[in-house]
Amino acid sequence: MAEFPLDPQLSKMIVAAPEFKCSNEILSIAAMLSVPNVFVRPREAMKAADESKVPGGRWRGLFVAGVSCGEVWAGGATTACDL
């Protein structure tokens, strides 16, 4: 873990991911935590931005949404992981 260029908590999370069969999701979450916030909330459209975060009236969480966005962007689904 000392050779990973990440925080120790993220390194441990990545090393433990195969045990839970969710390596792809954990790598996506570690990548999201390693960069500045990727979600934009424009001041002039705050209400519309807030409403767009609740598809179908149910917000599942930032990291789950990020993993879902990554899967859509990559063009396919990955393994299931109970986050």
N, C-alpha and C. Protein backbone atom coordinates (compact mmCIF):
# COMPACT_ATOMS: atom_id res chain seq x y z
N MET A 1 0.81 -1.18 0.00
CA MET A 1 0.00 0.00 0.00
C MET A 1 0.86 1.26 0.00
N ALA A 2 2.06 1.15 0.52
CA ALA A 2 2.93 2.33 0.59
C ALA A 2 3.36 2.81 -0.79
N GLU A 3 3.31 1.95 -1.79
CA GLU A 3 3.73 2.35 -3.13
C GLU A 3 2.63 3.01 -3.94
N PHE A 4 1.37 2.95 -3.46
CA PHE A 4 0.28 3.63 -4.15
C PHE A 4 0.43 5.14 -3.96
N PRO A 5 0.22 5.92 -5.01
CA PRO A 5 0.31 7.38 -4.86
C PRO A 5 -1.03 7.97 -4.37
N LEU A 6 -1.58 7.36 -3.32
CA LEU A 6 -2.87 7.76 -2.77
C LEU A 6 -2.81 7.85 -1.26
N ASP A 7 -3.88 8.37 -0.67
CA ASP A 7 -4.00 8.34 0.78
C ASP A 7 -4.07 6.88 1.24
N PRO A 8 -3.58 6.59 2.43
CA PRO A 8 -3.59 5.20 2.92
C PRO A 8 -4.98 4.57 2.94
N GLN A 9 -6.03 5.36 3.26
CA GLN A 9 -7.38 4.82 3.30
C GLN A 9 -7.82 4.37 1.90
N LEU A 10 -7.51 5.17 0.88
CA LEU A 10 -7.87 4.80 -0.48
C LEU A 10 -7.09 3.58 -0.95
N SER A 11 -5.82 3.52 -0.59
CA SER A 11 -5.00 2.35 -0.95
C SER A 11 -5.56 1.08 -0.34
N LYS A 12 -5.94 1.15 0.93
CA LYS A 12 -6.50 -0.03 1.61
C LYS A 12 -7.82 -0.43 0.96
N MET A 13 -8.62 0.55 0.59
CA MET A 13 -9.90 0.28 -0.05
C MET A 13 -9.68 -0.46 -1.37
N ILE A 14 -8.68 -0.03 -2.15
CA ILE A 14 -8.40 -0.66 -3.44
C ILE A 14 -7.86 -2.08 -3.25
N VAL A 15 -7.00 -2.27 -2.26
CA VAL A 15 -6.44 -3.59 -2.01
C VAL A 15 -7.52 -4.57 -1.54
N ALA A 16 -8.49 -4.09 -0.76
CA ALA A 16 -9.54 -4.95 -0.23
C ALA A 16 -10.69 -5.19 -1.22
N ALA A 17 -10.78 -4.41 -2.27
CA ALA A 17 -11.91 -4.50 -3.21
C ALA A 17 -12.12 -5.88 -3.83
N PRO A 18 -11.08 -6.60 -4.25
CA PRO A 18 -11.32 -7.92 -4.86
C PRO A 18 -12.01 -8.90 -3.92
N GLU A 19 -11.79 -8.76 -2.64
CA GLU A 19 -12.43 -9.63 -1.66
C GLU A 19 -13.97 -9.50 -1.72
N PHE A 20 -14.44 -8.30 -2.05
CA PHE A 20 -15.88 -8.04 -2.11
C PHE A 20 -16.41 -8.04 -3.55
N LYS A 21 -15.55 -8.38 -4.50
CA LYS A 21 -15.91 -8.45 -5.92
C LYS A 21 -16.50 -7.14 -6.46
N CYS A 22 -15.83 -6.03 -6.11
CA CYS A 22 -16.31 -4.74 -6.60
C CYS A 22 -15.13 -3.82 -6.94
N SER A 23 -14.11 -4.37 -7.58
CA SER A 23 -12.91 -3.61 -7.91
C SER A 23 -13.20 -2.43 -8.83
N ASN A 24 -14.02 -2.64 -9.85
CA ASN A 24 -14.32 -1.55 -10.79
C ASN A 24 -14.97 -0.37 -10.09
N GLU A 25 -15.95 -0.65 -9.23
CA GLU A 25 -16.63 0.42 -8.52
C GLU A 25 -15.70 1.14 -7.55
N ILE A 26 -14.88 0.39 -6.85
CA ILE A 26 -13.96 0.99 -5.89
C ILE A 26 -12.93 1.85 -6.60
N LEU A 27 -12.44 1.40 -7.75
CA LEU A 27 -11.50 2.23 -8.51
C LEU A 27 -12.15 3.53 -8.97
N SER A 28 -13.42 3.45 -9.37
CA SER A 28 -14.14 4.67 -9.76
C SER A 28 -14.29 5.62 -8.57
N ILE A 29 -14.64 5.08 -7.41
CA ILE A 29 -14.80 5.91 -6.21
C ILE A 29 -13.47 6.51 -5.79
N ALA A 30 -12.40 5.73 -5.82
CA ALA A 30 -11.07 6.25 -5.46
C ALA A 30 -10.65 7.36 -6.42
N ALA A 31 -10.96 7.19 -7.70
CA ALA A 31 -10.63 8.23 -8.67
C ALA A 31 -11.42 9.50 -8.38
N MET A 32 -12.71 9.36 -8.04
CA MET A 32 -13.52 10.55 -7.72
C MET A 32 -13.02 11.26 -6.48
N LEU A 33 -12.52 10.51 -5.50
CA LEU A 33 -12.03 11.12 -4.28
C LEU A 33 -10.64 11.74 -4.45
N SER A 34 -9.96 11.44 -5.54
CA SER A 34 -8.60 11.92 -5.76
C SER A 34 -8.54 13.22 -6.56
N VAL A 35 -9.68 13.69 -7.03
CA VAL A 35 -9.71 14.92 -7.84
C VAL A 35 -10.72 15.88 -7.23
N PRO A 36 -10.68 17.17 -7.65
CA PRO A 36 -11.70 18.11 -7.17
C PRO A 36 -13.09 17.68 -7.61
N ASN A 37 -14.11 18.26 -7.00
CA ASN A 37 -15.50 17.91 -7.28
C ASN A 37 -15.81 18.04 -8.77
N VAL A 38 -16.40 17.00 -9.35
CA VAL A 38 -16.70 17.00 -10.79
C VAL A 38 -18.13 17.43 -11.08
N PHE A 39 -18.96 17.54 -10.05
CA PHE A 39 -20.34 17.95 -10.25
C PHE A 39 -20.44 19.47 -10.19
N VAL A 40 -21.16 20.05 -11.15
CA VAL A 40 -21.28 21.49 -11.25
C VAL A 40 -22.68 21.90 -10.81
N ARG A 41 -22.74 22.96 -10.02
CA ARG A 41 -24.03 23.51 -9.57
C ARG A 41 -24.01 25.00 -9.87
N PRO A 42 -24.44 25.39 -11.08
CA PRO A 42 -24.37 26.80 -11.47
C PRO A 42 -25.27 27.68 -10.61
N ARG A 43 -24.77 28.86 -10.25
CA ARG A 43 -25.53 29.77 -9.38
C ARG A 43 -26.85 30.20 -10.01
N GLU A 44 -26.82 30.46 -11.31
CA GLU A 44 -28.03 30.96 -11.96
C GLU A 44 -29.10 29.88 -12.15
N ALA A 45 -28.74 28.63 -11.96
CA ALA A 45 -29.70 27.54 -12.16
C ALA A 45 -29.64 26.53 -11.02
N MET A 46 -29.50 27.02 -9.78
CA MET A 46 -29.37 26.12 -8.63
C MET A 46 -30.58 25.20 -8.45
N LYS A 47 -31.79 25.77 -8.61
CA LYS A 47 -32.99 24.96 -8.41
C LYS A 47 -33.07 23.85 -9.46
N ALA A 48 -32.81 24.18 -10.70
CA ALA A 48 -32.84 23.17 -11.77
C ALA A 48 -31.76 22.11 -11.54
N ALA A 49 -30.58 22.53 -11.07
CA ALA A 49 -29.51 21.58 -10.79
C ALA A 49 -29.90 20.63 -9.66
N ASP A 50 -30.51 21.18 -8.61
CA ASP A 50 -30.95 20.33 -7.50
C ASP A 50 -32.01 19.34 -7.93
N GLU A 51 -32.95 19.79 -8.76
CA GLU A 51 -34.01 18.90 -9.23
C GLU A 51 -33.46 17.80 -10.15
N SER A 52 -32.43 18.11 -10.91
CA SER A 52 -31.88 17.11 -11.83
C SER A 52 -31.12 16.02 -11.09
N LYS A 53 -30.74 16.25 -9.84
CA LYS A 53 -30.03 15.25 -9.04
C LYS A 53 -30.97 14.21 -8.45
N VAL A 54 -32.25 14.39 -8.60
CA VAL A 54 -33.21 13.48 -8.00
C VAL A 54 -34.03 12.80 -9.10
N PRO A 55 -33.41 11.89 -9.88
CA PRO A 55 -34.17 11.22 -10.93
C PRO A 55 -35.23 10.29 -10.33
N GLY A 56 -36.46 10.50 -10.70
CA GLY A 56 -37.53 9.67 -10.17
C GLY A 56 -37.84 9.91 -8.71
N GLY A 57 -37.34 11.01 -8.17
CA GLY A 57 -37.62 11.35 -6.78
C GLY A 57 -36.79 10.59 -5.77
N ARG A 58 -35.71 9.94 -6.20
CA ARG A 58 -34.89 9.15 -5.27
C ARG A 58 -33.41 9.41 -5.51
N TRP A 59 -32.74 10.00 -4.56
CA TRP A 59 -31.31 10.29 -4.67
C TRP A 59 -30.54 9.18 -3.99
N ARG A 60 -29.65 8.50 -4.73
CA ARG A 60 -28.97 7.31 -4.20
C ARG A 60 -27.63 7.62 -3.57
N GLY A 61 -27.12 8.81 -3.70
CA GLY A 61 -25.84 9.15 -3.10
C GLY A 61 -24.83 9.55 -4.15
N LEU A 62 -23.88 10.37 -3.74
CA LEU A 62 -22.89 10.94 -4.65
C LEU A 62 -22.04 9.86 -5.30
N PHE A 63 -21.52 8.92 -4.54
CA PHE A 63 -20.61 7.94 -5.10
C PHE A 63 -21.33 6.93 -5.99
N VAL A 64 -22.51 6.53 -5.59
CA VAL A 64 -23.28 5.62 -6.43
C VAL A 64 -23.65 6.31 -7.74
N ALA A 65 -24.01 7.59 -7.65
CA ALA A 65 -24.31 8.35 -8.86
C ALA A 65 -23.07 8.48 -9.74
N GLY A 66 -21.92 8.69 -9.12
CA GLY A 66 -20.68 8.78 -9.88
C GLY A 66 -20.33 7.49 -10.57
N VAL A 67 -20.51 6.38 -9.88
CA VAL A 67 -20.25 5.07 -10.48
C VAL A 67 -21.21 4.84 -11.65
N SER A 68 -22.49 5.21 -11.45
CA SER A 68 -23.47 5.06 -12.52
C SER A 68 -23.11 5.91 -13.73
N CYS A 69 -22.66 7.14 -13.48
CA CYS A 69 -22.24 8.02 -14.57
C CYS A 69 -21.05 7.42 -15.30
N GLY A 70 -20.13 6.86 -14.56
CA GLY A 70 -18.96 6.23 -15.17
C GLY A 70 -19.33 5.04 -16.03
N GLU A 71 -20.29 4.24 -15.57
CA GLU A 71 -20.73 3.09 -16.35
C GLU A 71 -21.41 3.52 -17.64
N VAL A 72 -22.22 4.57 -17.56
CA VAL A 72 -22.89 5.08 -18.75
C VAL A 72 -21.86 5.63 -19.72
N TRP A 73 -20.89 6.38 -19.20
CA TRP A 73 -19.86 6.96 -20.05
C TRP A 73 -19.02 5.87 -20.72
N ALA A 74 -18.70 4.82 -19.98
CA ALA A 74 -17.89 3.73 -20.52
C ALA A 74 -18.67 2.86 -21.50
N GLY A 75 -20.00 2.96 -21.45
CA GLY A 75 -20.82 2.23 -22.41
C GLY A 75 -21.23 0.85 -21.97
N GLY A 76 -21.15 0.55 -20.69
CA GLY A 76 -21.58 -0.77 -20.24
C GLY A 76 -21.60 -0.86 -18.74
N ALA A 77 -22.21 -1.90 -18.26
CA ALA A 77 -22.31 -2.11 -16.82
C ALA A 77 -21.11 -2.90 -16.33
N THR A 78 -20.79 -2.74 -15.05
CA THR A 78 -19.72 -3.50 -14.41
C THR A 78 -20.34 -4.45 -13.41
N THR A 79 -19.53 -5.05 -12.57
CA THR A 79 -20.04 -5.99 -11.58
C THR A 79 -20.89 -5.28 -10.55
N ALA A 80 -21.75 -6.03 -9.90
CA ALA A 80 -22.61 -5.46 -8.85
C ALA A 80 -21.83 -5.38 -7.56
N CYS A 81 -22.03 -4.29 -6.83
CA CYS A 81 -21.34 -4.12 -5.55
C CYS A 81 -22.29 -3.44 -4.58
N ASP A 82 -22.45 -3.99 -3.42
CA ASP A 82 -23.30 -3.36 -2.41
C ASP A 82 -22.50 -2.29 -1.70
N LEU A 83 -22.76 -1.03 -2.08
CA LEU A 83 -22.04 0.09 -1.46
C LEU A 83 -22.79 0.51 -0.28
